[in-house]
Amino acid sequence: MTYLEIFSEFLILRDPEGPLLRRWWFDQIINFTHPPNSDMVCLQTVIRGKREHFTFKSENAHRLFNAIASAIKDAASKRQQGQLLTSLGAEVNAIDADTNATVVIRFTQIAFCLQYAGDFKTIPLEMIKRCYISADDIFSIEAFDPLNRLPFDGHFKTDLALVLLKQWERLIGVAVARRQAGILSGTVTPMTPRSSSNSIVGLEIGE
């Protein structure tokens, strides 16, 4: 028996004892099906030109199929949002809701950046506790600097609040995947638990 975990951009096949067995990114999955009235979900992938088929049996096969379909659909939507962010030069103009100052917001692979008229602030991703939309057009971020014991609570008005939130979720999903890969190779130690922004569904299955 193994477990299949569904994250925001990939699937993980895990041993009950914890070790990761396989990972499939959604862009590697070319087809998946759930034969009617069966306990099976069939997965077809192409990785480095090699085509593979996988069949999973589960009492929750229908739920598993729907969960994968929903995750892939959400990931496609995030990619579209990411393409929009890329077309904007990975920068979003906003208004600081607390000071009314104009600010340019940018997410990188390692940090959240705020550029004001006379100030530039960088917040490493590992210091960010959460990001959320507190209103339809307000993107909020909570962070904490453990070294200096300083909290940060920012609220920014922009019509691209949802785009920023999706970009944050995507970056965290990628960071978690990279960290897990590093843990398996013994190269890094996890700094934070898995982000709650990832949609994780653990189902007991048999290959």
N, C-alpha and C. Protein backbone atom coordinates (compact mmCIF):
# COMPACT_ATOMS: atom_id res chain seq x y z
N MET A 1 0.84 -1.19 0.00
CA MET A 1 0.00 0.00 0.00
C MET A 1 0.88 1.25 0.00
N THR A 2 0.42 2.26 -0.71
CA THR A 2 1.12 3.53 -0.77
C THR A 2 0.12 4.67 -0.64
N TYR A 3 0.63 5.88 -0.56
CA TYR A 3 -0.23 7.06 -0.47
C TYR A 3 0.06 7.99 -1.63
N LEU A 4 -1.01 8.58 -2.17
CA LEU A 4 -0.86 9.57 -3.23
C LEU A 4 -1.26 10.93 -2.67
N GLU A 5 -0.34 11.88 -2.70
CA GLU A 5 -0.60 13.23 -2.20
C GLU A 5 -0.73 14.18 -3.38
N ILE A 6 -1.77 14.99 -3.35
CA ILE A 6 -2.05 15.91 -4.44
C ILE A 6 -1.70 17.32 -3.99
N PHE A 7 -0.65 17.89 -4.59
CA PHE A 7 -0.24 19.25 -4.28
C PHE A 7 -0.77 20.20 -5.35
N SER A 8 -0.42 21.46 -5.24
CA SER A 8 -0.97 22.46 -6.16
C SER A 8 -0.43 22.34 -7.58
N GLU A 9 0.77 21.72 -7.76
CA GLU A 9 1.34 21.62 -9.11
C GLU A 9 1.91 20.25 -9.43
N PHE A 10 1.75 19.28 -8.53
CA PHE A 10 2.32 17.96 -8.78
C PHE A 10 1.66 16.91 -7.88
N LEU A 11 1.90 15.64 -8.24
CA LEU A 11 1.46 14.50 -7.44
C LEU A 11 2.69 13.84 -6.83
N ILE A 12 2.53 13.32 -5.62
CA ILE A 12 3.61 12.59 -4.97
C ILE A 12 3.10 11.21 -4.55
N LEU A 13 3.86 10.19 -4.89
CA LEU A 13 3.58 8.83 -4.44
C LEU A 13 4.52 8.55 -3.27
N ARG A 14 3.93 8.22 -2.13
CA ARG A 14 4.72 8.11 -0.91
C ARG A 14 4.51 6.76 -0.22
N ASP A 15 5.59 6.24 0.32
CA ASP A 15 5.55 5.01 1.12
C ASP A 15 4.89 5.33 2.46
N PRO A 16 4.13 4.37 3.06
CA PRO A 16 3.51 4.61 4.36
C PRO A 16 4.49 5.04 5.44
N GLU A 17 5.76 4.63 5.30
CA GLU A 17 6.77 5.00 6.29
C GLU A 17 7.30 6.43 6.07
N GLY A 18 6.91 7.04 4.95
CA GLY A 18 7.31 8.43 4.72
C GLY A 18 8.12 8.72 3.48
N PRO A 19 9.01 7.80 3.02
CA PRO A 19 9.86 8.11 1.87
C PRO A 19 9.06 8.41 0.60
N LEU A 20 9.53 9.39 -0.15
CA LEU A 20 8.92 9.73 -1.43
C LEU A 20 9.37 8.73 -2.48
N LEU A 21 8.41 8.17 -3.22
CA LEU A 21 8.72 7.18 -4.24
C LEU A 21 8.77 7.78 -5.64
N ARG A 22 7.76 8.60 -5.98
CA ARG A 22 7.72 9.22 -7.30
C ARG A 22 7.10 10.61 -7.18
N ARG A 23 7.44 11.47 -8.14
CA ARG A 23 6.78 12.76 -8.25
C ARG A 23 6.44 13.00 -9.71
N TRP A 24 5.22 13.44 -9.97
CA TRP A 24 4.81 13.79 -11.33
C TRP A 24 4.30 15.22 -11.33
N TRP A 25 4.97 16.09 -12.10
CA TRP A 25 4.46 17.44 -12.30
C TRP A 25 3.28 17.36 -13.26
N PHE A 26 2.32 18.27 -13.10
CA PHE A 26 1.11 18.21 -13.92
C PHE A 26 1.41 18.34 -15.41
N ASP A 27 2.46 19.09 -15.76
CA ASP A 27 2.76 19.22 -17.19
C ASP A 27 3.40 17.96 -17.77
N GLN A 28 3.70 16.97 -16.91
CA GLN A 28 4.21 15.68 -17.37
C GLN A 28 3.07 14.68 -17.59
N ILE A 29 1.89 15.00 -17.09
CA ILE A 29 0.73 14.11 -17.21
C ILE A 29 0.00 14.44 -18.50
N ILE A 30 -0.08 13.48 -19.41
CA ILE A 30 -0.74 13.73 -20.69
C ILE A 30 -2.15 13.16 -20.73
N ASN A 31 -2.47 12.27 -19.79
CA ASN A 31 -3.82 11.71 -19.76
C ASN A 31 -4.05 10.98 -18.44
N PHE A 32 -5.25 11.08 -17.91
CA PHE A 32 -5.62 10.25 -16.77
C PHE A 32 -7.11 9.97 -16.86
N THR A 33 -7.49 8.75 -16.51
CA THR A 33 -8.88 8.30 -16.67
C THR A 33 -9.34 7.53 -15.44
N HIS A 34 -10.65 7.46 -15.31
CA HIS A 34 -11.29 6.67 -14.26
C HIS A 34 -12.40 5.86 -14.91
N PRO A 35 -12.13 4.58 -15.27
CA PRO A 35 -13.15 3.76 -15.90
C PRO A 35 -14.41 3.72 -15.04
N PRO A 36 -15.59 3.91 -15.63
CA PRO A 36 -16.84 3.91 -14.87
C PRO A 36 -17.02 2.63 -14.05
N ASN A 37 -17.56 2.80 -12.85
CA ASN A 37 -17.88 1.68 -11.96
C ASN A 37 -16.65 0.82 -11.64
N SER A 38 -15.49 1.45 -11.59
CA SER A 38 -14.27 0.71 -11.25
C SER A 38 -13.61 1.37 -10.05
N ASP A 39 -12.61 0.67 -9.51
CA ASP A 39 -11.85 1.22 -8.38
C ASP A 39 -10.46 1.64 -8.84
N MET A 40 -10.34 2.01 -10.12
CA MET A 40 -9.03 2.33 -10.69
C MET A 40 -8.97 3.75 -11.24
N VAL A 41 -7.79 4.32 -11.14
CA VAL A 41 -7.45 5.57 -11.82
C VAL A 41 -6.18 5.30 -12.61
N CYS A 42 -6.22 5.60 -13.90
CA CYS A 42 -5.08 5.32 -14.78
C CYS A 42 -4.40 6.63 -15.16
N LEU A 43 -3.09 6.63 -15.07
CA LEU A 43 -2.28 7.82 -15.30
C LEU A 43 -1.28 7.55 -16.42
N GLN A 44 -1.17 8.46 -17.37
CA GLN A 44 -0.20 8.34 -18.45
C GLN A 44 0.69 9.57 -18.44
N THR A 45 2.01 9.36 -18.43
CA THR A 45 2.95 10.48 -18.37
C THR A 45 3.98 10.39 -19.49
N VAL A 46 4.59 11.52 -19.79
CA VAL A 46 5.73 11.58 -20.69
C VAL A 46 6.82 12.40 -20.00
N ILE A 47 7.95 11.74 -19.70
CA ILE A 47 9.06 12.40 -19.02
C ILE A 47 10.33 12.14 -19.82
N ARG A 48 10.95 13.22 -20.29
CA ARG A 48 12.15 13.13 -21.12
C ARG A 48 11.92 12.21 -22.33
N GLY A 49 10.74 12.32 -22.92
CA GLY A 49 10.41 11.56 -24.10
C GLY A 49 9.95 10.14 -23.84
N LYS A 50 10.00 9.69 -22.59
CA LYS A 50 9.60 8.33 -22.25
C LYS A 50 8.16 8.32 -21.76
N ARG A 51 7.34 7.51 -22.40
CA ARG A 51 5.92 7.40 -22.04
C ARG A 51 5.72 6.25 -21.05
N GLU A 52 4.99 6.53 -19.96
CA GLU A 52 4.74 5.51 -18.95
C GLU A 52 3.27 5.51 -18.56
N HIS A 53 2.80 4.31 -18.14
CA HIS A 53 1.42 4.15 -17.68
C HIS A 53 1.44 3.66 -16.24
N PHE A 54 0.54 4.22 -15.43
CA PHE A 54 0.41 3.81 -14.03
C PHE A 54 -1.07 3.59 -13.72
N THR A 55 -1.35 2.54 -12.99
CA THR A 55 -2.72 2.25 -12.58
C THR A 55 -2.78 2.15 -11.06
N PHE A 56 -3.70 2.90 -10.46
CA PHE A 56 -3.87 2.90 -9.02
C PHE A 56 -5.26 2.37 -8.67
N LYS A 57 -5.31 1.54 -7.65
CA LYS A 57 -6.59 1.03 -7.16
C LYS A 57 -6.88 1.65 -5.80
N SER A 58 -8.13 2.05 -5.62
CA SER A 58 -8.51 2.69 -4.36
C SER A 58 -10.01 2.59 -4.16
N GLU A 59 -10.42 2.46 -2.91
CA GLU A 59 -11.84 2.49 -2.60
C GLU A 59 -12.41 3.88 -2.87
N ASN A 60 -11.52 4.86 -2.92
CA ASN A 60 -11.93 6.24 -3.18
C ASN A 60 -11.50 6.69 -4.57
N ALA A 61 -11.57 5.79 -5.54
CA ALA A 61 -11.07 6.09 -6.89
C ALA A 61 -11.77 7.30 -7.51
N HIS A 62 -13.09 7.38 -7.33
CA HIS A 62 -13.83 8.51 -7.93
C HIS A 62 -13.40 9.82 -7.29
N ARG A 63 -13.24 9.81 -5.97
CA ARG A 63 -12.78 11.01 -5.26
C ARG A 63 -11.36 11.36 -5.69
N LEU A 64 -10.52 10.36 -5.85
CA LEU A 64 -9.14 10.58 -6.28
C LEU A 64 -9.11 11.24 -7.66
N PHE A 65 -9.91 10.70 -8.58
CA PHE A 65 -9.97 11.24 -9.94
C PHE A 65 -10.40 12.70 -9.92
N ASN A 66 -11.47 13.00 -9.17
CA ASN A 66 -11.98 14.37 -9.12
C ASN A 66 -10.97 15.33 -8.48
N ALA A 67 -10.25 14.84 -7.46
CA ALA A 67 -9.26 15.68 -6.78
C ALA A 67 -8.11 16.03 -7.73
N ILE A 68 -7.65 15.04 -8.51
CA ILE A 68 -6.58 15.29 -9.47
C ILE A 68 -7.05 16.26 -10.55
N ALA A 69 -8.27 16.03 -11.05
CA ALA A 69 -8.81 16.90 -12.10
C ALA A 69 -8.92 18.34 -11.61
N SER A 70 -9.38 18.51 -10.38
CA SER A 70 -9.52 19.85 -9.81
C SER A 70 -8.16 20.53 -9.64
N ALA A 71 -7.16 19.77 -9.17
CA ALA A 71 -5.82 20.33 -8.96
C ALA A 71 -5.19 20.75 -10.29
N ILE A 72 -5.35 19.92 -11.32
CA ILE A 72 -4.79 20.24 -12.64
C ILE A 72 -5.46 21.48 -13.22
N LYS A 73 -6.78 21.58 -13.02
CA LYS A 73 -7.51 22.75 -13.51
C LYS A 73 -7.03 24.02 -12.80
N ASP A 74 -6.87 23.93 -11.48
CA ASP A 74 -6.39 25.09 -10.72
C ASP A 74 -4.98 25.48 -11.14
N ALA A 75 -4.13 24.47 -11.39
CA ALA A 75 -2.75 24.74 -11.80
C ALA A 75 -2.72 25.46 -13.15
N ALA A 76 -3.61 25.05 -14.06
CA ALA A 76 -3.67 25.69 -15.37
C ALA A 76 -4.07 27.16 -15.22
N SER A 77 -5.01 27.41 -14.31
CA SER A 77 -5.44 28.78 -14.05
C SER A 77 -4.29 29.61 -13.49
N LYS A 78 -3.50 29.00 -12.58
CA LYS A 78 -2.36 29.72 -11.99
C LYS A 78 -1.31 30.03 -13.05
N ARG A 79 -1.12 29.09 -14.00
CA ARG A 79 -0.14 29.34 -15.06
C ARG A 79 -0.57 30.53 -15.90
N GLN A 80 -1.89 30.64 -16.15
CA GLN A 80 -2.39 31.79 -16.91
C GLN A 80 -2.14 33.08 -16.14
N GLN A 81 -2.36 33.02 -14.80
CA GLN A 81 -2.09 34.19 -13.98
C GLN A 81 -0.60 34.51 -14.02
N GLY A 82 0.23 33.47 -13.97
CA GLY A 82 1.68 33.68 -14.01
C GLY A 82 2.12 34.30 -15.32
N GLN A 83 1.47 33.89 -16.43
CA GLN A 83 1.78 34.47 -17.73
C GLN A 83 1.44 35.95 -17.74
N LEU A 84 0.32 36.29 -17.06
CA LEU A 84 -0.06 37.69 -16.97
C LEU A 84 0.99 38.47 -16.19
N LEU A 85 1.46 37.89 -15.08
CA LEU A 85 2.49 38.55 -14.28
C LEU A 85 3.77 38.72 -15.08
N THR A 86 4.12 37.72 -15.87
CA THR A 86 5.32 37.80 -16.70
C THR A 86 5.19 38.91 -17.73
N SER A 87 3.98 39.05 -18.32
CA SER A 87 3.77 40.09 -19.31
C SER A 87 3.87 41.48 -18.70
N LEU A 88 3.68 41.56 -17.37
CA LEU A 88 3.81 42.83 -16.67
C LEU A 88 5.24 43.06 -16.20
N GLY A 89 6.16 42.18 -16.60
CA GLY A 89 7.54 42.29 -16.16
C GLY A 89 7.74 41.80 -14.75
N ALA A 90 6.85 40.92 -14.29
CA ALA A 90 6.90 40.34 -12.95
C ALA A 90 6.74 41.40 -11.86
N GLU A 91 6.20 42.57 -12.22
CA GLU A 91 5.99 43.65 -11.27
C GLU A 91 4.53 44.09 -11.29
N VAL A 92 4.03 44.46 -10.12
CA VAL A 92 2.65 44.93 -10.00
C VAL A 92 2.66 46.27 -9.27
N ASN A 93 2.03 47.26 -9.86
CA ASN A 93 1.89 48.56 -9.21
C ASN A 93 0.73 48.52 -8.23
N ALA A 94 0.94 49.08 -7.04
CA ALA A 94 -0.10 49.03 -6.02
C ALA A 94 -0.04 50.28 -5.15
N ILE A 95 -1.03 50.39 -4.26
CA ILE A 95 -1.08 51.47 -3.28
C ILE A 95 -1.02 50.84 -1.90
N ASP A 96 -0.10 51.33 -1.06
CA ASP A 96 -0.03 50.85 0.32
C ASP A 96 -1.29 51.33 1.03
N ALA A 97 -2.14 50.38 1.45
CA ALA A 97 -3.42 50.73 2.06
C ALA A 97 -3.27 51.45 3.39
N ASP A 98 -2.12 51.33 4.03
CA ASP A 98 -1.90 51.96 5.33
C ASP A 98 -1.36 53.39 5.21
N THR A 99 -0.60 53.66 4.14
CA THR A 99 0.03 54.98 4.00
C THR A 99 -0.39 55.73 2.74
N ASN A 100 -1.09 55.04 1.83
CA ASN A 100 -1.49 55.60 0.53
C ASN A 100 -0.30 55.88 -0.38
N ALA A 101 0.87 55.36 -0.03
CA ALA A 101 2.06 55.53 -0.88
C ALA A 101 2.01 54.54 -2.04
N THR A 102 2.53 54.96 -3.19
CA THR A 102 2.61 54.04 -4.33
C THR A 102 3.78 53.09 -4.10
N VAL A 103 3.61 51.86 -4.56
CA VAL A 103 4.63 50.84 -4.34
C VAL A 103 4.62 49.86 -5.51
N VAL A 104 5.78 49.37 -5.87
CA VAL A 104 5.90 48.32 -6.88
C VAL A 104 6.18 47.01 -6.16
N ILE A 105 5.34 46.00 -6.41
CA ILE A 105 5.46 44.70 -5.75
C ILE A 105 6.05 43.69 -6.71
N ARG A 106 6.99 42.89 -6.18
CA ARG A 106 7.61 41.86 -7.02
C ARG A 106 7.88 40.62 -6.17
N PHE A 107 7.49 39.45 -6.69
CA PHE A 107 7.87 38.17 -6.09
C PHE A 107 9.03 37.60 -6.88
N THR A 108 10.07 37.14 -6.18
CA THR A 108 11.15 36.40 -6.83
C THR A 108 11.14 34.98 -6.27
N GLN A 109 12.08 34.16 -6.70
CA GLN A 109 12.14 32.78 -6.22
C GLN A 109 12.52 32.70 -4.75
N ILE A 110 13.06 33.80 -4.19
CA ILE A 110 13.53 33.74 -2.81
C ILE A 110 12.96 34.83 -1.91
N ALA A 111 12.26 35.81 -2.49
CA ALA A 111 11.84 36.92 -1.65
C ALA A 111 10.62 37.66 -2.21
N PHE A 112 10.00 38.44 -1.32
CA PHE A 112 8.92 39.35 -1.65
C PHE A 112 9.51 40.75 -1.57
N CYS A 113 9.42 41.51 -2.66
CA CYS A 113 10.09 42.80 -2.73
C CYS A 113 9.09 43.95 -2.85
N LEU A 114 9.35 45.02 -2.10
CA LEU A 114 8.53 46.22 -2.13
C LEU A 114 9.42 47.41 -2.45
N GLN A 115 9.09 48.12 -3.52
CA GLN A 115 9.88 49.28 -3.90
C GLN A 115 9.02 50.54 -3.82
N TYR A 116 9.31 51.38 -2.82
CA TYR A 116 8.64 52.66 -2.66
C TYR A 116 9.48 53.73 -3.36
N ALA A 117 9.01 54.98 -3.31
CA ALA A 117 9.73 56.07 -3.98
C ALA A 117 11.14 56.22 -3.44
N GLY A 118 11.30 56.10 -2.12
CA GLY A 118 12.63 56.27 -1.54
C GLY A 118 13.05 55.13 -0.65
N ASP A 119 12.46 53.97 -0.85
CA ASP A 119 12.77 52.84 0.03
C ASP A 119 12.58 51.53 -0.73
N PHE A 120 13.37 50.54 -0.37
CA PHE A 120 13.26 49.21 -0.98
C PHE A 120 13.32 48.17 0.14
N LYS A 121 12.30 47.35 0.22
CA LYS A 121 12.22 46.34 1.28
C LYS A 121 12.18 44.95 0.67
N THR A 122 13.00 44.05 1.20
CA THR A 122 13.02 42.65 0.75
C THR A 122 12.69 41.74 1.93
N ILE A 123 11.71 40.86 1.73
CA ILE A 123 11.31 39.92 2.77
C ILE A 123 11.54 38.51 2.25
N PRO A 124 12.50 37.77 2.78
CA PRO A 124 12.74 36.39 2.34
C PRO A 124 11.48 35.54 2.48
N LEU A 125 11.26 34.62 1.55
CA LEU A 125 10.05 33.81 1.57
C LEU A 125 9.87 33.05 2.87
N GLU A 126 10.99 32.59 3.48
CA GLU A 126 10.86 31.78 4.68
C GLU A 126 10.38 32.60 5.88
N MET A 127 10.42 33.94 5.77
CA MET A 127 9.93 34.78 6.86
C MET A 127 8.44 35.10 6.72
N ILE A 128 7.86 34.77 5.57
CA ILE A 128 6.45 35.07 5.33
C ILE A 128 5.57 34.01 5.98
N LYS A 129 4.67 34.45 6.86
CA LYS A 129 3.77 33.53 7.54
C LYS A 129 2.57 33.19 6.67
N ARG A 130 2.02 34.19 6.00
CA ARG A 130 0.90 33.93 5.10
C ARG A 130 0.64 35.13 4.22
N CYS A 131 0.00 34.87 3.07
CA CYS A 131 -0.50 35.90 2.18
C CYS A 131 -1.98 35.61 1.95
N TYR A 132 -2.77 36.67 1.81
CA TYR A 132 -4.21 36.46 1.63
C TYR A 132 -4.83 37.71 1.02
N ILE A 133 -6.05 37.56 0.55
CA ILE A 133 -6.80 38.71 0.03
C ILE A 133 -7.82 39.09 1.08
N SER A 134 -7.65 40.25 1.70
CA SER A 134 -8.55 40.69 2.76
C SER A 134 -9.78 41.40 2.23
N ALA A 135 -9.73 41.82 0.99
CA ALA A 135 -10.87 42.40 0.28
C ALA A 135 -10.64 42.09 -1.19
N ASP A 136 -11.62 42.40 -2.03
CA ASP A 136 -11.51 42.03 -3.43
C ASP A 136 -10.25 42.56 -4.10
N ASP A 137 -9.79 43.74 -3.69
CA ASP A 137 -8.64 44.34 -4.36
C ASP A 137 -7.50 44.67 -3.39
N ILE A 138 -7.44 44.00 -2.24
CA ILE A 138 -6.37 44.25 -1.28
C ILE A 138 -5.60 42.96 -1.01
N PHE A 139 -4.32 42.98 -1.36
CA PHE A 139 -3.42 41.85 -1.12
C PHE A 139 -2.69 42.11 0.19
N SER A 140 -2.77 41.15 1.11
CA SER A 140 -2.16 41.32 2.43
C SER A 140 -1.08 40.28 2.67
N ILE A 141 -0.07 40.67 3.43
CA ILE A 141 1.04 39.77 3.73
C ILE A 141 1.43 39.93 5.19
N GLU A 142 1.65 38.79 5.85
CA GLU A 142 2.13 38.78 7.23
C GLU A 142 3.48 38.07 7.26
N ALA A 143 4.45 38.70 7.90
CA ALA A 143 5.80 38.12 7.98
C ALA A 143 6.40 38.40 9.35
N PHE A 144 7.46 37.67 9.65
CA PHE A 144 8.14 37.86 10.94
C PHE A 144 9.62 37.58 10.77
N ASP A 145 10.43 38.53 11.23
CA ASP A 145 11.89 38.40 11.20
C ASP A 145 12.34 37.82 12.54
N PRO A 146 12.67 36.52 12.61
CA PRO A 146 13.02 35.91 13.89
C PRO A 146 14.33 36.43 14.47
N LEU A 147 15.21 36.94 13.60
CA LEU A 147 16.50 37.41 14.08
C LEU A 147 16.36 38.71 14.87
N ASN A 148 15.57 39.63 14.31
CA ASN A 148 15.37 40.93 14.96
C ASN A 148 14.06 41.02 15.73
N ARG A 149 13.30 39.92 15.72
CA ARG A 149 12.02 39.85 16.43
C ARG A 149 11.07 40.95 15.95
N LEU A 150 11.04 41.16 14.63
CA LEU A 150 10.21 42.22 14.07
C LEU A 150 9.11 41.64 13.19
N PRO A 151 7.85 41.98 13.47
CA PRO A 151 6.75 41.54 12.61
C PRO A 151 6.57 42.50 11.44
N PHE A 152 5.92 42.03 10.38
CA PHE A 152 5.57 42.88 9.25
C PHE A 152 4.15 42.53 8.82
N ASP A 153 3.32 43.54 8.69
CA ASP A 153 1.93 43.34 8.29
C ASP A 153 1.60 44.40 7.24
N GLY A 154 1.53 43.98 5.97
CA GLY A 154 1.32 44.94 4.89
C GLY A 154 0.04 44.67 4.12
N HIS A 155 -0.59 45.73 3.65
CA HIS A 155 -1.84 45.63 2.89
C HIS A 155 -1.72 46.54 1.67
N PHE A 156 -1.96 45.98 0.50
CA PHE A 156 -1.71 46.71 -0.74
C PHE A 156 -2.91 46.62 -1.68
N LYS A 157 -3.35 47.78 -2.13
CA LYS A 157 -4.53 47.84 -2.99
C LYS A 157 -4.09 47.74 -4.45
N THR A 158 -4.63 46.73 -5.15
CA THR A 158 -4.32 46.52 -6.56
C THR A 158 -5.39 45.65 -7.19
N ASP A 159 -5.69 45.90 -8.46
CA ASP A 159 -6.67 45.07 -9.15
C ASP A 159 -6.09 43.71 -9.53
N LEU A 160 -4.80 43.49 -9.21
CA LEU A 160 -4.15 42.21 -9.49
C LEU A 160 -3.86 41.44 -8.21
N ALA A 161 -4.67 41.67 -7.17
CA ALA A 161 -4.48 40.99 -5.89
C ALA A 161 -4.51 39.47 -6.05
N LEU A 162 -5.46 38.98 -6.84
CA LEU A 162 -5.58 37.53 -7.04
C LEU A 162 -4.36 36.99 -7.77
N VAL A 163 -3.84 37.74 -8.72
CA VAL A 163 -2.63 37.32 -9.45
C VAL A 163 -1.46 37.17 -8.48
N LEU A 164 -1.30 38.13 -7.57
CA LEU A 164 -0.22 38.06 -6.59
C LEU A 164 -0.38 36.86 -5.67
N LEU A 165 -1.62 36.59 -5.25
CA LEU A 165 -1.86 35.46 -4.36
C LEU A 165 -1.52 34.14 -5.05
N LYS A 166 -1.93 34.00 -6.30
CA LYS A 166 -1.64 32.78 -7.05
C LYS A 166 -0.14 32.62 -7.28
N GLN A 167 0.55 33.73 -7.51
CA GLN A 167 2.00 33.67 -7.69
C GLN A 167 2.67 33.21 -6.40
N TRP A 168 2.19 33.71 -5.27
CA TRP A 168 2.72 33.29 -3.97
C TRP A 168 2.51 31.79 -3.76
N GLU A 169 1.31 31.29 -4.06
CA GLU A 169 1.01 29.86 -3.89
C GLU A 169 1.91 29.02 -4.79
N ARG A 170 2.13 29.50 -6.01
CA ARG A 170 2.98 28.74 -6.95
C ARG A 170 4.42 28.67 -6.43
N LEU A 171 4.94 29.79 -5.96
CA LEU A 171 6.32 29.82 -5.46
C LEU A 171 6.49 28.92 -4.24
N ILE A 172 5.50 28.92 -3.35
CA ILE A 172 5.58 28.07 -2.17
C ILE A 172 5.52 26.60 -2.57
N GLY A 173 4.66 26.26 -3.55
CA GLY A 173 4.60 24.88 -4.02
C GLY A 173 5.93 24.42 -4.57
N VAL A 174 6.58 25.28 -5.36
CA VAL A 174 7.88 24.93 -5.93
C VAL A 174 8.94 24.83 -4.84
N ALA A 175 8.90 25.76 -3.87
CA ALA A 175 9.88 25.74 -2.78
C ALA A 175 9.76 24.48 -1.95
N VAL A 176 8.51 24.06 -1.68
CA VAL A 176 8.29 22.84 -0.90
C VAL A 176 8.83 21.63 -1.65
N ALA A 177 8.58 21.58 -2.97
CA ALA A 177 9.06 20.45 -3.77
C ALA A 177 10.58 20.39 -3.77
N ARG A 178 11.22 21.55 -3.93
CA ARG A 178 12.68 21.58 -3.94
C ARG A 178 13.25 21.19 -2.59
N ARG A 179 12.59 21.66 -1.52
CA ARG A 179 13.08 21.34 -0.18
C ARG A 179 12.97 19.85 0.08
N GLN A 180 11.85 19.24 -0.35
CA GLN A 180 11.67 17.80 -0.15
C GLN A 180 12.71 17.02 -0.94
N ALA A 181 12.99 17.49 -2.15
CA ALA A 181 14.01 16.81 -2.96
C ALA A 181 15.36 16.90 -2.28
N GLY A 182 15.66 18.06 -1.67
CA GLY A 182 16.92 18.23 -0.97
C GLY A 182 17.00 17.37 0.27
N ILE A 183 15.85 17.24 0.97
CA ILE A 183 15.82 16.41 2.16
C ILE A 183 16.13 14.96 1.81
N LEU A 184 15.56 14.49 0.68
CA LEU A 184 15.78 13.11 0.27
C LEU A 184 17.24 12.86 -0.07
N SER A 185 17.92 13.89 -0.59
CA SER A 185 19.32 13.71 -0.95
C SER A 185 20.25 14.04 0.21
N GLY A 186 19.67 14.50 1.32
CA GLY A 186 20.45 14.81 2.51
C GLY A 186 21.21 16.11 2.41
N THR A 187 20.75 17.04 1.54
CA THR A 187 21.51 18.27 1.34
C THR A 187 20.99 19.43 2.16
N VAL A 188 19.72 19.40 2.58
CA VAL A 188 19.18 20.51 3.35
C VAL A 188 18.33 20.00 4.49
N THR A 189 18.05 20.89 5.42
CA THR A 189 17.15 20.59 6.53
C THR A 189 15.93 21.46 6.37
N PRO A 190 14.72 20.92 6.53
CA PRO A 190 13.51 21.73 6.35
C PRO A 190 13.48 22.88 7.34
N MET A 191 13.10 24.07 6.86
CA MET A 191 13.04 25.25 7.72
C MET A 191 11.63 25.49 8.22
N THR A 192 10.63 25.12 7.41
CA THR A 192 9.25 25.32 7.81
C THR A 192 8.44 24.11 7.40
N PRO A 193 7.26 23.87 8.01
CA PRO A 193 6.41 22.77 7.58
C PRO A 193 5.79 23.08 6.24
N ARG A 194 5.13 22.11 5.65
CA ARG A 194 4.47 22.33 4.37
C ARG A 194 3.49 23.47 4.47
N SER A 195 3.46 24.28 3.42
CA SER A 195 2.56 25.43 3.43
C SER A 195 1.12 24.97 3.33
N SER A 196 0.24 25.64 4.06
CA SER A 196 -1.17 25.29 4.01
C SER A 196 -1.80 25.74 2.71
N SER A 197 -1.07 26.53 1.90
CA SER A 197 -1.60 26.95 0.62
C SER A 197 -1.60 25.81 -0.39
N ASN A 198 -0.90 24.75 -0.12
CA ASN A 198 -0.93 23.58 -0.99
C ASN A 198 -2.15 22.75 -0.68
N SER A 199 -2.81 22.27 -1.73
CA SER A 199 -3.95 21.39 -1.56
C SER A 199 -3.43 19.96 -1.51
N ILE A 200 -3.50 19.34 -0.34
CA ILE A 200 -2.94 18.00 -0.17
C ILE A 200 -4.05 17.02 0.15
N VAL A 201 -4.17 15.98 -0.65
CA VAL A 201 -5.14 14.92 -0.40
C VAL A 201 -4.39 13.62 -0.30
N GLY A 202 -4.37 13.01 0.87
CA GLY A 202 -3.69 11.74 1.05
C GLY A 202 -4.67 10.59 0.98
N LEU A 203 -4.48 9.71 0.03
CA LEU A 203 -5.38 8.58 -0.15
C LEU A 203 -4.58 7.29 -0.11
N GLU A 204 -5.10 6.30 0.57
CA GLU A 204 -4.42 5.01 0.62
C GLU A 204 -4.77 4.25 -0.64
N ILE A 205 -3.75 3.83 -1.37
CA ILE A 205 -3.97 3.19 -2.65
C ILE A 205 -3.04 2.00 -2.80
N GLY A 206 -3.30 1.20 -3.81
CA GLY A 206 -2.41 0.10 -4.15
C GLY A 206 -2.11 0.15 -5.62
N GLU A 207 -0.84 0.01 -5.96
CA GLU A 207 -0.48 0.08 -7.39
C GLU A 207 -0.91 -1.19 -8.11
